[in-house]
Structure formats: C-alpha cells, structure tokens
Amino acid sequence: MATGDEKSVMVVGVDDSEQSIYALEWTLDRFFVPYAPNYPFKLFIVHAKPNAVSAVGLAGPGTAEVVPYVDADLKHTAAKVVDKAKSICQSKSVHGVVIEVFEGDARNILCEVVDKHHASILVVGSHGYGAIKRAVLGSTSDYCAHHAHCSVMIVKKPKIKA
C-alpha cells in the first residue's frame, strides 16, 4: 500500500483490440483527467507481446522459416499499441505514464507486473467472447480476476443497440 507521498499504482493492460483501447480511455476519463495534475494513481500501461513460436503454435516443416516473419509482425503490432496508448494519454493531457512491453502470455505478464509494481488495481478490457471461444482461448480478464494480487476492474465496452 502507498505510504506518505507515494501513490498507489494502477496497471492497465492493453492490446490491439478496440475493447482494450476503450478500457484505457474509460480509465483515463474517470481516474486521471478530472484530477490533473494530481493523479490519485501512478499509471503503468502494459502490453504483452506474444512469443512468435507460441503464436505460430505448431511445429513442422517450414515452421522455422515462418517464425521471423511472425515475430516481426508481433513487434510491429506492439509498436502500434504503444503509439496508440501514448497518443491517447497525450490527447487527454495525462502525463507521467509508464508504458511497458513484455513478451509472453498476457495473463501471466499482467499478474507479474501487478506484483512487480505492488499495484493496488489492475484494469483490463473485456473482449466479450462467448462461452466456447472463451473456453478455447482462455479469458485474460477471468484469469487475472482469480490470480492477480490486487483488485481487478474489467471494463466492458457498451454494445451499440441497433
């Protein structure tokens, strides 16, 4: 916990999904913009870049040739995610944000970052997967809600009603 002048830490997990970007904007609008420049939290924005070998997910003839291309694409995506997060923070005049990129599974990365920074809250977006897709892919938000050593806020993007 925060002592003295030390601020509590908030970690926001981001990826290249619109749900993730919505969660970041939602968090900034509610916990940072109204309090500028005396933010109640020290903000860390974290992107977990998948490992190229696990992203390819198979081993066989030709796999070794594909991995460098997949890795280059994942690095490009990570750079875009970081640029987007920086841009959003700048557009809302939120300063002093630390943006970190780690390689690995987002579920594990986010829980490790929470521990590393002694975060008091973790914010993640919800992709809104159905039961089958969630069972196959695994839910990062569900995993973090059960394993992170802090409070977890799952931000859901409202569905547009037609």
N, C-alpha and C. Protein backbone atom coordinates (compact mmCIF):
# COMPACT_ATOMS: atom_id res chain seq x y z
N MET A 1 0.84 -1.19 0.00
CA MET A 1 0.00 0.00 0.00
C MET A 1 0.87 1.24 0.00
N ALA A 2 0.29 2.32 -0.42
CA ALA A 2 1.02 3.59 -0.50
C ALA A 2 1.25 4.16 0.90
N THR A 3 2.44 4.69 1.07
CA THR A 3 2.75 5.33 2.34
C THR A 3 3.29 6.72 2.05
N GLY A 4 2.94 7.67 2.89
CA GLY A 4 3.45 9.03 2.71
C GLY A 4 3.01 9.62 1.39
N ASP A 5 3.98 10.14 0.61
CA ASP A 5 3.69 10.78 -0.66
C ASP A 5 3.61 9.78 -1.82
N GLU A 6 3.90 8.54 -1.52
CA GLU A 6 3.90 7.52 -2.56
C GLU A 6 2.47 7.22 -3.01
N LYS A 7 2.26 7.22 -4.33
CA LYS A 7 0.92 6.98 -4.86
C LYS A 7 0.68 5.49 -5.06
N SER A 8 -0.58 5.11 -4.96
CA SER A 8 -0.97 3.74 -5.31
C SER A 8 -0.72 3.56 -6.81
N VAL A 9 -0.49 2.32 -7.18
CA VAL A 9 -0.20 2.01 -8.58
C VAL A 9 -1.41 1.38 -9.25
N MET A 10 -1.70 1.85 -10.47
CA MET A 10 -2.73 1.26 -11.31
C MET A 10 -2.05 0.72 -12.56
N VAL A 11 -2.37 -0.51 -12.91
CA VAL A 11 -1.85 -1.12 -14.13
C VAL A 11 -3.02 -1.30 -15.09
N VAL A 12 -2.84 -0.86 -16.34
CA VAL A 12 -3.86 -1.07 -17.37
C VAL A 12 -3.24 -1.95 -18.44
N GLY A 13 -3.86 -3.09 -18.69
CA GLY A 13 -3.39 -3.99 -19.75
C GLY A 13 -4.00 -3.59 -21.08
N VAL A 14 -3.15 -3.47 -22.10
CA VAL A 14 -3.64 -3.09 -23.43
C VAL A 14 -3.15 -4.07 -24.50
N ASP A 15 -3.99 -4.23 -25.51
CA ASP A 15 -3.58 -4.97 -26.70
C ASP A 15 -4.11 -4.20 -27.90
N ASP A 16 -4.21 -4.84 -29.06
CA ASP A 16 -4.61 -4.10 -30.25
C ASP A 16 -6.12 -4.17 -30.50
N SER A 17 -6.89 -4.53 -29.47
CA SER A 17 -8.34 -4.62 -29.65
C SER A 17 -9.02 -3.30 -29.31
N GLU A 18 -10.20 -3.09 -29.89
CA GLU A 18 -10.92 -1.86 -29.59
C GLU A 18 -11.44 -1.89 -28.15
N GLN A 19 -11.70 -3.08 -27.59
CA GLN A 19 -12.14 -3.18 -26.20
C GLN A 19 -11.05 -2.70 -25.24
N SER A 20 -9.82 -3.02 -25.57
CA SER A 20 -8.68 -2.62 -24.74
C SER A 20 -8.49 -1.10 -24.79
N ILE A 21 -8.59 -0.53 -25.97
CA ILE A 21 -8.45 0.92 -26.12
C ILE A 21 -9.59 1.63 -25.38
N TYR A 22 -10.80 1.08 -25.48
CA TYR A 22 -11.94 1.64 -24.76
C TYR A 22 -11.66 1.62 -23.25
N ALA A 23 -11.14 0.51 -22.74
CA ALA A 23 -10.86 0.39 -21.30
C ALA A 23 -9.83 1.44 -20.86
N LEU A 24 -8.80 1.67 -21.69
CA LEU A 24 -7.79 2.69 -21.36
C LEU A 24 -8.44 4.07 -21.33
N GLU A 25 -9.21 4.41 -22.36
CA GLU A 25 -9.85 5.72 -22.41
C GLU A 25 -10.82 5.90 -21.24
N TRP A 26 -11.60 4.89 -20.95
CA TRP A 26 -12.57 4.91 -19.86
C TRP A 26 -11.86 5.19 -18.53
N THR A 27 -10.74 4.49 -18.32
CA THR A 27 -9.96 4.64 -17.09
C THR A 27 -9.37 6.05 -16.98
N LEU A 28 -8.79 6.54 -18.05
CA LEU A 28 -8.21 7.88 -18.04
C LEU A 28 -9.28 8.93 -17.74
N ASP A 29 -10.44 8.80 -18.39
CA ASP A 29 -11.53 9.77 -18.22
C ASP A 29 -12.06 9.81 -16.78
N ARG A 30 -12.00 8.69 -16.08
CA ARG A 30 -12.58 8.62 -14.75
C ARG A 30 -11.57 8.76 -13.60
N PHE A 31 -10.34 8.33 -13.83
CA PHE A 31 -9.36 8.32 -12.73
C PHE A 31 -8.20 9.29 -12.90
N PHE A 32 -8.06 9.89 -14.09
CA PHE A 32 -6.91 10.76 -14.32
C PHE A 32 -7.29 12.17 -14.77
N VAL A 33 -8.08 12.29 -15.83
CA VAL A 33 -8.43 13.61 -16.38
C VAL A 33 -9.03 14.54 -15.31
N PRO A 34 -10.01 14.08 -14.50
CA PRO A 34 -10.62 15.00 -13.53
C PRO A 34 -9.66 15.46 -12.42
N TYR A 35 -8.56 14.75 -12.22
CA TYR A 35 -7.66 15.03 -11.10
C TYR A 35 -6.35 15.70 -11.52
N ALA A 36 -6.20 15.97 -12.82
CA ALA A 36 -4.95 16.52 -13.33
C ALA A 36 -4.60 17.81 -12.59
N PRO A 37 -3.34 18.05 -12.28
CA PRO A 37 -2.21 17.13 -12.49
C PRO A 37 -1.93 16.23 -11.28
N ASN A 38 -2.82 16.24 -10.28
CA ASN A 38 -2.58 15.44 -9.07
C ASN A 38 -3.32 14.11 -9.13
N TYR A 39 -2.85 13.24 -10.01
CA TYR A 39 -3.50 11.96 -10.22
C TYR A 39 -3.46 11.12 -8.94
N PRO A 40 -4.54 10.38 -8.67
CA PRO A 40 -4.56 9.53 -7.47
C PRO A 40 -3.71 8.28 -7.60
N PHE A 41 -3.29 7.95 -8.83
CA PHE A 41 -2.51 6.74 -9.07
C PHE A 41 -1.28 7.03 -9.92
N LYS A 42 -0.26 6.19 -9.75
CA LYS A 42 0.86 6.13 -10.68
C LYS A 42 0.41 5.11 -11.73
N LEU A 43 0.41 5.51 -13.01
CA LEU A 43 -0.15 4.66 -14.05
C LEU A 43 0.92 3.93 -14.87
N PHE A 44 0.75 2.61 -14.95
CA PHE A 44 1.58 1.77 -15.82
C PHE A 44 0.65 1.16 -16.85
N ILE A 45 0.97 1.35 -18.13
CA ILE A 45 0.22 0.72 -19.21
C ILE A 45 1.10 -0.41 -19.74
N VAL A 46 0.53 -1.62 -19.78
CA VAL A 46 1.32 -2.81 -20.11
C VAL A 46 0.74 -3.54 -21.31
N HIS A 47 1.62 -3.86 -22.26
CA HIS A 47 1.24 -4.68 -23.41
C HIS A 47 2.08 -5.96 -23.36
N ALA A 48 1.40 -7.09 -23.49
CA ALA A 48 2.09 -8.38 -23.55
C ALA A 48 2.17 -8.81 -25.01
N LYS A 49 3.39 -8.85 -25.54
CA LYS A 49 3.61 -9.28 -26.92
C LYS A 49 3.76 -10.79 -26.92
N PRO A 50 2.88 -11.51 -27.65
CA PRO A 50 3.02 -12.96 -27.68
C PRO A 50 4.38 -13.39 -28.23
N ASN A 51 4.86 -14.51 -27.76
CA ASN A 51 6.09 -15.11 -28.28
C ASN A 51 5.78 -15.67 -29.67
N ALA A 52 6.67 -15.41 -30.62
CA ALA A 52 6.43 -15.82 -32.01
C ALA A 52 6.23 -17.33 -32.15
N VAL A 53 7.00 -18.11 -31.43
CA VAL A 53 6.89 -19.57 -31.54
C VAL A 53 5.52 -20.02 -31.03
N SER A 54 5.07 -19.46 -29.90
CA SER A 54 3.75 -19.85 -29.38
C SER A 54 2.64 -19.31 -30.27
N ALA A 55 2.87 -18.16 -30.92
CA ALA A 55 1.85 -17.59 -31.82
C ALA A 55 1.68 -18.47 -33.06
N VAL A 56 2.78 -19.03 -33.54
CA VAL A 56 2.70 -19.93 -34.69
C VAL A 56 1.97 -21.20 -34.26
N GLY A 57 2.29 -21.67 -33.04
CA GLY A 57 1.53 -22.73 -32.41
C GLY A 57 1.66 -24.11 -33.01
N LEU A 58 2.59 -24.33 -33.91
CA LEU A 58 2.76 -25.66 -34.46
C LEU A 58 4.22 -25.86 -34.81
N ALA A 59 4.60 -27.09 -34.86
CA ALA A 59 5.97 -27.40 -35.24
C ALA A 59 5.91 -28.38 -36.40
N GLY A 60 6.69 -28.10 -37.39
CA GLY A 60 6.70 -28.98 -38.56
C GLY A 60 7.55 -28.36 -39.62
N PRO A 61 7.57 -28.96 -40.79
CA PRO A 61 8.37 -28.42 -41.88
C PRO A 61 7.95 -26.98 -42.19
N GLY A 62 8.91 -26.10 -42.29
CA GLY A 62 8.62 -24.72 -42.63
C GLY A 62 8.41 -23.80 -41.44
N THR A 63 8.22 -24.35 -40.26
CA THR A 63 7.96 -23.51 -39.08
C THR A 63 9.09 -22.54 -38.82
N ALA A 64 10.32 -23.03 -38.90
CA ALA A 64 11.49 -22.18 -38.62
C ALA A 64 11.55 -20.99 -39.56
N GLU A 65 11.11 -21.17 -40.80
CA GLU A 65 11.15 -20.08 -41.77
C GLU A 65 10.06 -19.03 -41.49
N VAL A 66 8.94 -19.45 -40.90
CA VAL A 66 7.81 -18.56 -40.65
C VAL A 66 8.04 -17.70 -39.41
N VAL A 67 8.70 -18.23 -38.40
CA VAL A 67 8.84 -17.56 -37.10
C VAL A 67 9.39 -16.13 -37.21
N PRO A 68 10.45 -15.86 -37.99
CA PRO A 68 10.94 -14.48 -38.06
C PRO A 68 9.91 -13.50 -38.59
N TYR A 69 9.07 -13.94 -39.53
CA TYR A 69 8.04 -13.06 -40.09
C TYR A 69 6.94 -12.79 -39.06
N VAL A 70 6.57 -13.85 -38.34
CA VAL A 70 5.55 -13.70 -37.29
C VAL A 70 6.08 -12.77 -36.20
N ASP A 71 7.34 -12.95 -35.82
CA ASP A 71 7.94 -12.10 -34.78
C ASP A 71 7.97 -10.63 -35.22
N ALA A 72 8.33 -10.39 -36.48
CA ALA A 72 8.37 -9.02 -37.00
C ALA A 72 6.97 -8.40 -36.94
N ASP A 73 5.96 -9.19 -37.29
CA ASP A 73 4.58 -8.70 -37.25
C ASP A 73 4.14 -8.40 -35.82
N LEU A 74 4.51 -9.27 -34.88
CA LEU A 74 4.16 -9.06 -33.47
C LEU A 74 4.85 -7.82 -32.91
N LYS A 75 6.11 -7.58 -33.33
CA LYS A 75 6.83 -6.38 -32.89
C LYS A 75 6.17 -5.13 -33.47
N HIS A 76 5.74 -5.22 -34.72
CA HIS A 76 5.05 -4.09 -35.36
C HIS A 76 3.74 -3.78 -34.62
N THR A 77 2.99 -4.84 -34.29
CA THR A 77 1.73 -4.66 -33.55
C THR A 77 2.00 -4.04 -32.19
N ALA A 78 3.04 -4.51 -31.49
CA ALA A 78 3.38 -3.96 -30.17
C ALA A 78 3.72 -2.47 -30.28
N ALA A 79 4.46 -2.09 -31.32
CA ALA A 79 4.81 -0.68 -31.52
C ALA A 79 3.55 0.15 -31.77
N LYS A 80 2.61 -0.40 -32.54
CA LYS A 80 1.35 0.32 -32.80
C LYS A 80 0.54 0.48 -31.52
N VAL A 81 0.51 -0.54 -30.69
CA VAL A 81 -0.23 -0.48 -29.42
C VAL A 81 0.38 0.59 -28.51
N VAL A 82 1.71 0.62 -28.42
CA VAL A 82 2.40 1.61 -27.60
C VAL A 82 2.13 3.03 -28.12
N ASP A 83 2.24 3.20 -29.44
CA ASP A 83 1.97 4.52 -30.03
C ASP A 83 0.54 4.97 -29.77
N LYS A 84 -0.41 4.06 -29.89
CA LYS A 84 -1.82 4.39 -29.66
C LYS A 84 -2.03 4.79 -28.19
N ALA A 85 -1.44 4.04 -27.26
CA ALA A 85 -1.59 4.35 -25.84
C ALA A 85 -0.98 5.71 -25.52
N LYS A 86 0.22 5.99 -26.08
CA LYS A 86 0.86 7.30 -25.88
C LYS A 86 -0.02 8.41 -26.42
N SER A 87 -0.56 8.21 -27.61
CA SER A 87 -1.40 9.20 -28.28
C SER A 87 -2.65 9.50 -27.45
N ILE A 88 -3.28 8.47 -26.92
CA ILE A 88 -4.48 8.65 -26.09
C ILE A 88 -4.14 9.44 -24.83
N CYS A 89 -3.05 9.07 -24.18
CA CYS A 89 -2.64 9.79 -22.96
C CYS A 89 -2.35 11.26 -23.27
N GLN A 90 -1.63 11.51 -24.37
CA GLN A 90 -1.30 12.89 -24.75
C GLN A 90 -2.57 13.67 -25.09
N SER A 91 -3.51 13.05 -25.80
CA SER A 91 -4.74 13.75 -26.20
C SER A 91 -5.58 14.14 -24.98
N LYS A 92 -5.42 13.40 -23.89
CA LYS A 92 -6.17 13.69 -22.67
C LYS A 92 -5.31 14.43 -21.65
N SER A 93 -4.10 14.84 -22.08
CA SER A 93 -3.15 15.57 -21.23
C SER A 93 -2.83 14.82 -19.94
N VAL A 94 -2.71 13.50 -20.05
CA VAL A 94 -2.31 12.67 -18.91
C VAL A 94 -0.83 12.38 -19.08
N HIS A 95 -0.03 12.86 -18.12
CA HIS A 95 1.43 12.77 -18.23
C HIS A 95 2.01 11.88 -17.12
N GLY A 96 3.26 11.49 -17.29
CA GLY A 96 3.95 10.69 -16.29
C GLY A 96 3.58 9.22 -16.33
N VAL A 97 3.02 8.79 -17.45
CA VAL A 97 2.60 7.40 -17.61
C VAL A 97 3.81 6.57 -18.03
N VAL A 98 3.91 5.37 -17.48
CA VAL A 98 4.97 4.44 -17.88
C VAL A 98 4.33 3.36 -18.75
N ILE A 99 4.86 3.20 -19.97
CA ILE A 99 4.34 2.17 -20.87
C ILE A 99 5.41 1.08 -21.00
N GLU A 100 4.99 -0.15 -20.74
CA GLU A 100 5.94 -1.27 -20.77
C GLU A 100 5.43 -2.36 -21.72
N VAL A 101 6.37 -3.01 -22.41
CA VAL A 101 6.04 -4.14 -23.27
C VAL A 101 6.86 -5.34 -22.79
N PHE A 102 6.18 -6.45 -22.60
CA PHE A 102 6.85 -7.69 -22.19
C PHE A 102 6.44 -8.78 -23.15
N GLU A 103 7.29 -9.77 -23.32
CA GLU A 103 6.97 -10.89 -24.19
C GLU A 103 6.45 -12.05 -23.37
N GLY A 104 5.30 -12.58 -23.79
CA GLY A 104 4.74 -13.73 -23.10
C GLY A 104 3.22 -13.70 -23.11
N ASP A 105 2.63 -14.61 -22.36
CA ASP A 105 1.18 -14.72 -22.26
C ASP A 105 0.64 -13.56 -21.42
N ALA A 106 -0.35 -12.85 -21.94
CA ALA A 106 -0.88 -11.66 -21.27
C ALA A 106 -1.34 -11.96 -19.84
N ARG A 107 -1.94 -13.12 -19.64
CA ARG A 107 -2.45 -13.47 -18.30
C ARG A 107 -1.33 -13.48 -17.27
N ASN A 108 -0.24 -14.14 -17.62
CA ASN A 108 0.89 -14.23 -16.69
C ASN A 108 1.60 -12.89 -16.56
N ILE A 109 1.80 -12.22 -17.69
CA ILE A 109 2.51 -10.93 -17.69
C ILE A 109 1.80 -9.93 -16.78
N LEU A 110 0.48 -9.79 -16.94
CA LEU A 110 -0.25 -8.80 -16.14
C LEU A 110 -0.16 -9.11 -14.65
N CYS A 111 -0.28 -10.38 -14.28
CA CYS A 111 -0.18 -10.74 -12.86
C CYS A 111 1.23 -10.49 -12.32
N GLU A 112 2.26 -10.74 -13.14
CA GLU A 112 3.65 -10.48 -12.73
C GLU A 112 3.90 -8.99 -12.56
N VAL A 113 3.38 -8.17 -13.47
CA VAL A 113 3.57 -6.72 -13.40
C VAL A 113 2.87 -6.15 -12.16
N VAL A 114 1.69 -6.67 -11.86
CA VAL A 114 0.98 -6.26 -10.64
C VAL A 114 1.87 -6.49 -9.42
N ASP A 115 2.50 -7.66 -9.36
CA ASP A 115 3.39 -7.98 -8.23
C ASP A 115 4.63 -7.09 -8.24
N LYS A 116 5.22 -6.91 -9.42
CA LYS A 116 6.47 -6.13 -9.54
C LYS A 116 6.28 -4.69 -9.06
N HIS A 117 5.14 -4.09 -9.42
CA HIS A 117 4.90 -2.68 -9.07
C HIS A 117 4.03 -2.52 -7.82
N HIS A 118 3.68 -3.63 -7.17
CA HIS A 118 2.81 -3.61 -5.99
C HIS A 118 1.53 -2.83 -6.28
N ALA A 119 0.92 -3.12 -7.42
CA ALA A 119 -0.28 -2.41 -7.87
C ALA A 119 -1.45 -2.66 -6.93
N SER A 120 -2.28 -1.64 -6.78
CA SER A 120 -3.48 -1.81 -5.97
C SER A 120 -4.70 -2.10 -6.85
N ILE A 121 -4.57 -1.82 -8.16
CA ILE A 121 -5.67 -2.13 -9.07
C ILE A 121 -5.13 -2.46 -10.47
N LEU A 122 -5.74 -3.45 -11.09
CA LEU A 122 -5.44 -3.84 -12.47
C LEU A 122 -6.70 -3.61 -13.30
N VAL A 123 -6.55 -2.93 -14.43
CA VAL A 123 -7.68 -2.68 -15.32
C VAL A 123 -7.45 -3.44 -16.62
N VAL A 124 -8.47 -4.19 -17.03
CA VAL A 124 -8.42 -4.91 -18.31
C VAL A 124 -9.75 -4.72 -19.02
N GLY A 125 -9.71 -4.79 -20.34
CA GLY A 125 -10.93 -4.74 -21.12
C GLY A 125 -11.52 -6.13 -21.22
N SER A 126 -12.75 -6.20 -21.68
CA SER A 126 -13.41 -7.48 -21.88
C SER A 126 -13.72 -7.64 -23.36
N HIS A 127 -13.25 -8.73 -23.95
CA HIS A 127 -13.49 -8.97 -25.37
C HIS A 127 -14.91 -9.43 -25.62
N GLY A 128 -15.59 -9.87 -24.57
CA GLY A 128 -16.98 -10.30 -24.73
C GLY A 128 -17.12 -11.59 -25.53
N TYR A 129 -16.13 -12.49 -25.39
CA TYR A 129 -16.21 -13.77 -26.08
C TYR A 129 -17.38 -14.59 -25.54
N GLY A 130 -17.93 -15.42 -26.38
CA GLY A 130 -18.94 -16.37 -25.93
C GLY A 130 -18.26 -17.50 -25.17
N ALA A 131 -19.07 -18.38 -24.59
CA ALA A 131 -18.54 -19.45 -23.73
C ALA A 131 -17.56 -20.37 -24.46
N ILE A 132 -17.84 -20.71 -25.71
CA ILE A 132 -16.98 -21.65 -26.43
C ILE A 132 -15.64 -21.00 -26.77
N LYS A 133 -15.68 -19.81 -27.34
CA LYS A 133 -14.44 -19.11 -27.70
C LYS A 133 -13.60 -18.85 -26.45
N ARG A 134 -14.26 -18.46 -25.35
CA ARG A 134 -13.55 -18.19 -24.09
C ARG A 134 -12.90 -19.48 -23.57
N ALA A 135 -13.61 -20.61 -23.70
CA ALA A 135 -13.06 -21.89 -23.24
C ALA A 135 -11.84 -22.30 -24.04
N VAL A 136 -11.86 -22.00 -25.35
CA VAL A 136 -10.74 -22.37 -26.22
C VAL A 136 -9.55 -21.42 -26.02
N LEU A 137 -9.83 -20.11 -26.07
CA LEU A 137 -8.76 -19.11 -26.00
C LEU A 137 -8.34 -18.79 -24.57
N GLY A 138 -9.25 -18.96 -23.64
CA GLY A 138 -8.98 -18.54 -22.27
C GLY A 138 -9.23 -17.05 -22.13
N SER A 139 -9.79 -16.66 -21.02
CA SER A 139 -10.10 -15.26 -20.80
C SER A 139 -9.03 -14.62 -19.94
N THR A 140 -8.38 -13.60 -20.49
CA THR A 140 -7.35 -12.88 -19.73
C THR A 140 -7.98 -12.22 -18.51
N SER A 141 -9.14 -11.58 -18.69
CA SER A 141 -9.77 -10.89 -17.57
C SER A 141 -10.18 -11.87 -16.48
N ASP A 142 -10.72 -13.02 -16.87
CA ASP A 142 -11.13 -14.03 -15.89
C ASP A 142 -9.92 -14.56 -15.14
N TYR A 143 -8.85 -14.86 -15.86
CA TYR A 143 -7.63 -15.35 -15.23
C TYR A 143 -7.10 -14.33 -14.22
N CYS A 144 -7.01 -13.07 -14.65
CA CYS A 144 -6.47 -12.02 -13.78
C CYS A 144 -7.36 -11.80 -12.55
N ALA A 145 -8.68 -11.88 -12.75
CA ALA A 145 -9.60 -11.70 -11.62
C ALA A 145 -9.34 -12.75 -10.54
N HIS A 146 -8.91 -13.93 -10.94
CA HIS A 146 -8.67 -15.00 -9.97
C HIS A 146 -7.23 -15.09 -9.47
N HIS A 147 -6.27 -14.54 -10.23
CA HIS A 147 -4.86 -14.75 -9.87
C HIS A 147 -4.07 -13.50 -9.52
N ALA A 148 -4.53 -12.32 -9.94
CA ALA A 148 -3.78 -11.09 -9.63
C ALA A 148 -3.91 -10.79 -8.14
N HIS A 149 -2.82 -10.31 -7.53
CA HIS A 149 -2.81 -9.99 -6.11
C HIS A 149 -3.23 -8.55 -5.86
N CYS A 150 -4.35 -8.16 -6.47
CA CYS A 150 -4.91 -6.82 -6.28
C CYS A 150 -6.35 -6.85 -6.79
N SER A 151 -7.04 -5.73 -6.62
CA SER A 151 -8.38 -5.63 -7.18
C SER A 151 -8.27 -5.57 -8.71
N VAL A 152 -9.23 -6.17 -9.38
CA VAL A 152 -9.24 -6.19 -10.85
C VAL A 152 -10.54 -5.55 -11.33
N MET A 153 -10.40 -4.55 -12.19
CA MET A 153 -11.57 -3.90 -12.78
C MET A 153 -11.63 -4.30 -14.24
N ILE A 154 -12.75 -4.92 -14.63
CA ILE A 154 -12.96 -5.34 -16.01
C ILE A 154 -13.91 -4.33 -16.65
N VAL A 155 -13.40 -3.63 -17.66
CA VAL A 155 -14.19 -2.59 -18.33
C VAL A 155 -14.79 -3.17 -19.59
N LYS A 156 -16.10 -3.12 -19.67
CA LYS A 156 -16.82 -3.65 -20.84
C LYS A 156 -17.27 -2.49 -21.72
N LYS A 157 -17.02 -2.62 -22.99
CA LYS A 157 -17.48 -1.62 -23.96
C LYS A 157 -18.98 -1.85 -24.17
N PRO A 158 -19.79 -0.79 -24.03
CA PRO A 158 -21.23 -0.99 -24.22
C PRO A 158 -21.54 -1.46 -25.64
N LYS A 159 -22.50 -2.35 -25.74
CA LYS A 159 -22.94 -2.81 -27.07
C LYS A 159 -23.81 -1.73 -27.66
N ILE A 160 -23.61 -1.45 -28.92
CA ILE A 160 -24.43 -0.46 -29.62
C ILE A 160 -25.76 -1.13 -29.97
N LYS A 161 -26.84 -0.50 -29.54
CA LYS A 161 -28.16 -1.07 -29.84
C LYS A 161 -28.65 -0.52 -31.18
N ALA A 162 -29.05 -1.43 -32.06
CA ALA A 162 -29.49 -1.03 -33.42
C ALA A 162 -30.91 -0.51 -33.40
